[in-house]
Amino acid sequence: MCVTENRKRSLADEMDGGATLNKDFLTISELKEVISETALTDVDRTITIMRYVESKNVQEIASEIGYDERTVRRKLCIIGPKLCETLLRIVYS
């Protein structure tokens, strides 16, 4: 696991106001770790990587994977809490 104990404490302090996934909040390697440890389908994992690692917008993601924009938005709404739950589990383990 790439998240060290010091970084876990730092993340716990940063998350004091509530968990969020934000490029300024996590390093790319930490974000990839959270994504890899989250139970996601292959499509959901692809959407997650495109959104949070590659910083693509909903339109770009929908176009590239051949999904409707509403479907991508809905999936991101479902994926977000799963990622936050995994992040909390990593930080507080």
N, C-alpha and C. Protein backbone atom coordinates (compact mmCIF):
# COMPACT_ATOMS: atom_id res chain seq x y z
N MET A 1 0.85 -1.18 0.00
CA MET A 1 0.00 0.00 0.00
C MET A 1 0.90 1.24 0.00
N CYS A 2 0.60 2.20 -0.86
CA CYS A 2 1.47 3.35 -1.00
C CYS A 2 1.13 4.49 -0.04
N VAL A 3 0.02 4.42 0.66
CA VAL A 3 -0.32 5.48 1.61
C VAL A 3 0.36 5.16 2.94
N THR A 4 1.33 6.00 3.31
CA THR A 4 2.08 5.78 4.55
C THR A 4 1.26 6.22 5.75
N GLU A 5 1.72 5.84 6.93
CA GLU A 5 1.01 6.22 8.16
C GLU A 5 0.97 7.74 8.32
N ASN A 6 2.08 8.43 8.01
CA ASN A 6 2.08 9.89 8.11
C ASN A 6 1.08 10.50 7.16
N ARG A 7 1.04 9.97 5.94
CA ARG A 7 0.09 10.50 4.95
C ARG A 7 -1.34 10.20 5.38
N LYS A 8 -1.58 9.03 5.99
CA LYS A 8 -2.92 8.71 6.49
C LYS A 8 -3.35 9.74 7.52
N ARG A 9 -2.44 10.11 8.43
CA ARG A 9 -2.78 11.11 9.44
C ARG A 9 -3.08 12.46 8.77
N SER A 10 -2.27 12.81 7.79
CA SER A 10 -2.46 14.06 7.07
C SER A 10 -3.81 14.07 6.35
N LEU A 11 -4.14 12.97 5.68
CA LEU A 11 -5.42 12.86 4.99
C LEU A 11 -6.58 12.92 5.97
N ALA A 12 -6.42 12.28 7.12
CA ALA A 12 -7.48 12.31 8.14
C ALA A 12 -7.72 13.75 8.59
N ASP A 13 -6.65 14.52 8.77
CA ASP A 13 -6.80 15.92 9.15
C ASP A 13 -7.49 16.71 8.05
N GLU A 14 -7.12 16.47 6.80
CA GLU A 14 -7.72 17.18 5.67
C GLU A 14 -9.19 16.82 5.50
N MET A 15 -9.57 15.58 5.84
CA MET A 15 -10.94 15.12 5.65
C MET A 15 -11.83 15.49 6.82
N ASP A 16 -11.32 16.25 7.76
CA ASP A 16 -12.08 16.61 8.95
C ASP A 16 -13.46 17.18 8.61
N GLY A 17 -13.55 17.94 7.52
CA GLY A 17 -14.82 18.53 7.13
C GLY A 17 -15.66 17.63 6.25
N GLY A 18 -15.17 16.46 5.87
CA GLY A 18 -15.92 15.55 5.01
C GLY A 18 -15.04 15.02 3.89
N ALA A 19 -15.25 13.77 3.51
CA ALA A 19 -14.43 13.14 2.48
C ALA A 19 -14.81 13.68 1.11
N THR A 20 -13.80 13.82 0.27
CA THR A 20 -14.03 14.26 -1.10
C THR A 20 -12.91 13.71 -1.97
N LEU A 21 -13.18 13.57 -3.23
CA LEU A 21 -12.13 13.17 -4.15
C LEU A 21 -11.80 14.39 -4.99
N ASN A 22 -10.59 14.83 -4.88
CA ASN A 22 -10.17 16.07 -5.50
C ASN A 22 -8.71 15.90 -5.86
N LYS A 23 -8.33 16.31 -7.06
CA LYS A 23 -6.95 16.15 -7.49
C LYS A 23 -5.97 16.85 -6.57
N ASP A 24 -6.39 17.93 -5.92
CA ASP A 24 -5.51 18.65 -5.00
C ASP A 24 -5.42 17.94 -3.65
N PHE A 25 -6.33 17.04 -3.40
CA PHE A 25 -6.44 16.36 -2.12
C PHE A 25 -5.58 15.10 -2.07
N LEU A 26 -5.52 14.37 -3.18
CA LEU A 26 -4.77 13.13 -3.26
C LEU A 26 -3.73 13.20 -4.37
N THR A 27 -2.63 12.49 -4.18
CA THR A 27 -1.68 12.35 -5.28
C THR A 27 -2.27 11.37 -6.29
N ILE A 28 -1.74 11.36 -7.49
CA ILE A 28 -2.24 10.44 -8.52
C ILE A 28 -2.06 9.00 -8.06
N SER A 29 -0.92 8.67 -7.44
CA SER A 29 -0.70 7.29 -6.99
C SER A 29 -1.68 6.91 -5.88
N GLU A 30 -1.99 7.85 -4.98
CA GLU A 30 -2.98 7.58 -3.94
C GLU A 30 -4.37 7.39 -4.55
N LEU A 31 -4.69 8.24 -5.51
CA LEU A 31 -5.98 8.12 -6.18
C LEU A 31 -6.11 6.79 -6.91
N LYS A 32 -5.04 6.37 -7.59
CA LYS A 32 -5.05 5.08 -8.28
C LYS A 32 -5.22 3.94 -7.28
N GLU A 33 -4.61 4.08 -6.11
CA GLU A 33 -4.76 3.05 -5.08
C GLU A 33 -6.21 2.96 -4.61
N VAL A 34 -6.84 4.10 -4.38
CA VAL A 34 -8.24 4.11 -3.96
C VAL A 34 -9.11 3.47 -5.04
N ILE A 35 -8.86 3.82 -6.29
CA ILE A 35 -9.64 3.25 -7.40
C ILE A 35 -9.44 1.74 -7.48
N SER A 36 -8.20 1.27 -7.35
CA SER A 36 -7.92 -0.16 -7.48
C SER A 36 -8.53 -0.97 -6.33
N GLU A 37 -8.67 -0.36 -5.17
CA GLU A 37 -9.21 -1.08 -4.01
C GLU A 37 -10.73 -0.97 -3.89
N THR A 38 -11.35 -0.21 -4.78
CA THR A 38 -12.81 -0.05 -4.75
C THR A 38 -13.46 -1.09 -5.66
N ALA A 39 -14.52 -1.71 -5.17
CA ALA A 39 -15.24 -2.71 -5.95
C ALA A 39 -16.02 -2.00 -7.05
N LEU A 40 -15.48 -2.03 -8.27
CA LEU A 40 -16.11 -1.38 -9.42
C LEU A 40 -16.13 -2.34 -10.60
N THR A 41 -17.13 -2.17 -11.46
CA THR A 41 -17.14 -2.94 -12.70
C THR A 41 -16.05 -2.36 -13.61
N ASP A 42 -15.74 -3.07 -14.67
CA ASP A 42 -14.72 -2.59 -15.60
C ASP A 42 -15.11 -1.24 -16.20
N VAL A 43 -16.37 -1.09 -16.56
CA VAL A 43 -16.84 0.18 -17.13
C VAL A 43 -16.75 1.29 -16.09
N ASP A 44 -17.18 1.01 -14.86
CA ASP A 44 -17.12 2.02 -13.80
C ASP A 44 -15.67 2.41 -13.51
N ARG A 45 -14.77 1.44 -13.53
CA ARG A 45 -13.34 1.73 -13.30
C ARG A 45 -12.80 2.62 -14.42
N THR A 46 -13.19 2.32 -15.66
CA THR A 46 -12.75 3.13 -16.80
C THR A 46 -13.26 4.56 -16.67
N ILE A 47 -14.53 4.70 -16.33
CA ILE A 47 -15.12 6.03 -16.14
C ILE A 47 -14.40 6.77 -15.02
N THR A 48 -14.12 6.09 -13.94
CA THR A 48 -13.45 6.70 -12.79
C THR A 48 -12.05 7.19 -13.16
N ILE A 49 -11.30 6.37 -13.85
CA ILE A 49 -9.95 6.76 -14.27
C ILE A 49 -10.01 7.94 -15.22
N MET A 50 -10.94 7.89 -16.16
CA MET A 50 -11.06 8.99 -17.12
C MET A 50 -11.42 10.29 -16.41
N ARG A 51 -12.29 10.22 -15.43
CA ARG A 51 -12.74 11.43 -14.74
C ARG A 51 -11.71 11.96 -13.76
N TYR A 52 -11.22 11.11 -12.87
CA TYR A 52 -10.38 11.59 -11.77
C TYR A 52 -8.88 11.58 -12.07
N VAL A 53 -8.41 10.68 -12.89
CA VAL A 53 -6.98 10.62 -13.20
C VAL A 53 -6.68 11.44 -14.46
N GLU A 54 -7.50 11.26 -15.49
CA GLU A 54 -7.25 11.94 -16.76
C GLU A 54 -7.97 13.29 -16.86
N SER A 55 -8.78 13.62 -15.86
CA SER A 55 -9.51 14.90 -15.78
C SER A 55 -10.40 15.19 -16.99
N LYS A 56 -11.03 14.16 -17.51
CA LYS A 56 -11.94 14.35 -18.64
C LYS A 56 -13.31 14.73 -18.12
N ASN A 57 -14.04 15.53 -18.92
CA ASN A 57 -15.38 15.91 -18.50
C ASN A 57 -16.38 14.83 -18.94
N VAL A 58 -17.61 14.99 -18.48
CA VAL A 58 -18.65 13.99 -18.75
C VAL A 58 -18.87 13.80 -20.25
N GLN A 59 -18.87 14.90 -20.99
CA GLN A 59 -19.06 14.82 -22.45
C GLN A 59 -17.97 13.98 -23.10
N GLU A 60 -16.72 14.22 -22.73
CA GLU A 60 -15.60 13.48 -23.31
C GLU A 60 -15.69 11.99 -22.96
N ILE A 61 -16.02 11.70 -21.71
CA ILE A 61 -16.13 10.30 -21.28
C ILE A 61 -17.24 9.60 -22.06
N ALA A 62 -18.40 10.23 -22.12
CA ALA A 62 -19.55 9.63 -22.82
C ALA A 62 -19.21 9.37 -24.28
N SER A 63 -18.55 10.30 -24.91
CA SER A 63 -18.19 10.16 -26.32
C SER A 63 -17.21 9.00 -26.52
N GLU A 64 -16.21 8.91 -25.65
CA GLU A 64 -15.18 7.88 -25.81
C GLU A 64 -15.68 6.47 -25.53
N ILE A 65 -16.59 6.32 -24.56
CA ILE A 65 -17.04 4.97 -24.24
C ILE A 65 -18.38 4.62 -24.88
N GLY A 66 -18.98 5.59 -25.56
CA GLY A 66 -20.23 5.32 -26.27
C GLY A 66 -21.45 5.26 -25.38
N TYR A 67 -21.42 5.96 -24.26
CA TYR A 67 -22.56 6.02 -23.35
C TYR A 67 -23.22 7.39 -23.45
N ASP A 68 -24.46 7.47 -23.04
CA ASP A 68 -25.18 8.72 -22.94
C ASP A 68 -24.59 9.53 -21.78
N GLU A 69 -24.57 10.85 -21.90
CA GLU A 69 -24.02 11.71 -20.83
C GLU A 69 -24.77 11.51 -19.51
N ARG A 70 -26.09 11.34 -19.59
CA ARG A 70 -26.86 11.11 -18.36
C ARG A 70 -26.42 9.83 -17.66
N THR A 71 -26.11 8.81 -18.43
CA THR A 71 -25.65 7.54 -17.85
C THR A 71 -24.31 7.72 -17.15
N VAL A 72 -23.41 8.46 -17.78
CA VAL A 72 -22.10 8.72 -17.18
C VAL A 72 -22.27 9.51 -15.89
N ARG A 73 -23.11 10.54 -15.90
CA ARG A 73 -23.35 11.33 -14.69
C ARG A 73 -23.92 10.46 -13.57
N ARG A 74 -24.89 9.62 -13.94
CA ARG A 74 -25.50 8.73 -12.94
C ARG A 74 -24.46 7.79 -12.35
N LYS A 75 -23.63 7.21 -13.22
CA LYS A 75 -22.59 6.31 -12.74
C LYS A 75 -21.62 7.02 -11.82
N LEU A 76 -21.24 8.27 -12.15
CA LEU A 76 -20.33 9.02 -11.29
C LEU A 76 -20.96 9.31 -9.93
N CYS A 77 -22.27 9.53 -9.90
CA CYS A 77 -22.96 9.74 -8.63
C CYS A 77 -22.95 8.49 -7.76
N ILE A 78 -22.96 7.35 -8.39
CA ILE A 78 -22.91 6.07 -7.66
C ILE A 78 -21.48 5.74 -7.26
N ILE A 79 -20.54 6.03 -8.13
CA ILE A 79 -19.13 5.71 -7.91
C ILE A 79 -18.53 6.57 -6.79
N GLY A 80 -18.87 7.84 -6.74
CA GLY A 80 -18.28 8.78 -5.77
C GLY A 80 -18.32 8.28 -4.33
N PRO A 81 -19.50 7.92 -3.81
CA PRO A 81 -19.56 7.43 -2.43
C PRO A 81 -18.74 6.15 -2.21
N LYS A 82 -18.68 5.29 -3.23
CA LYS A 82 -17.87 4.07 -3.10
C LYS A 82 -16.40 4.42 -2.94
N LEU A 83 -15.93 5.40 -3.73
CA LEU A 83 -14.54 5.81 -3.64
C LEU A 83 -14.24 6.45 -2.28
N CYS A 84 -15.16 7.28 -1.81
CA CYS A 84 -14.98 7.91 -0.50
C CYS A 84 -14.94 6.88 0.61
N GLU A 85 -15.79 5.87 0.52
CA GLU A 85 -15.80 4.80 1.52
C GLU A 85 -14.46 4.06 1.53
N THR A 86 -13.93 3.78 0.35
CA THR A 86 -12.64 3.11 0.26
C THR A 86 -11.53 4.00 0.82
N LEU A 87 -11.58 5.29 0.50
CA LEU A 87 -10.59 6.22 1.00
C LEU A 87 -10.60 6.26 2.52
N LEU A 88 -11.79 6.32 3.09
CA LEU A 88 -11.91 6.34 4.55
C LEU A 88 -11.38 5.05 5.16
N ARG A 89 -11.68 3.92 4.52
CA ARG A 89 -11.19 2.63 5.02
C ARG A 89 -9.66 2.60 5.00
N ILE A 90 -9.04 3.12 3.92
CA ILE A 90 -7.58 3.15 3.81
C ILE A 90 -6.99 4.06 4.89
N VAL A 91 -7.55 5.25 5.02
CA VAL A 91 -6.99 6.23 5.95
C VAL A 91 -7.14 5.79 7.41
N TYR A 92 -8.26 5.19 7.72
CA TYR A 92 -8.51 4.84 9.12
C TYR A 92 -8.22 3.39 9.46
N SER A 93 -7.52 2.67 8.56
CA SER A 93 -7.18 1.27 8.86
C SER A 93 -5.90 1.20 9.66
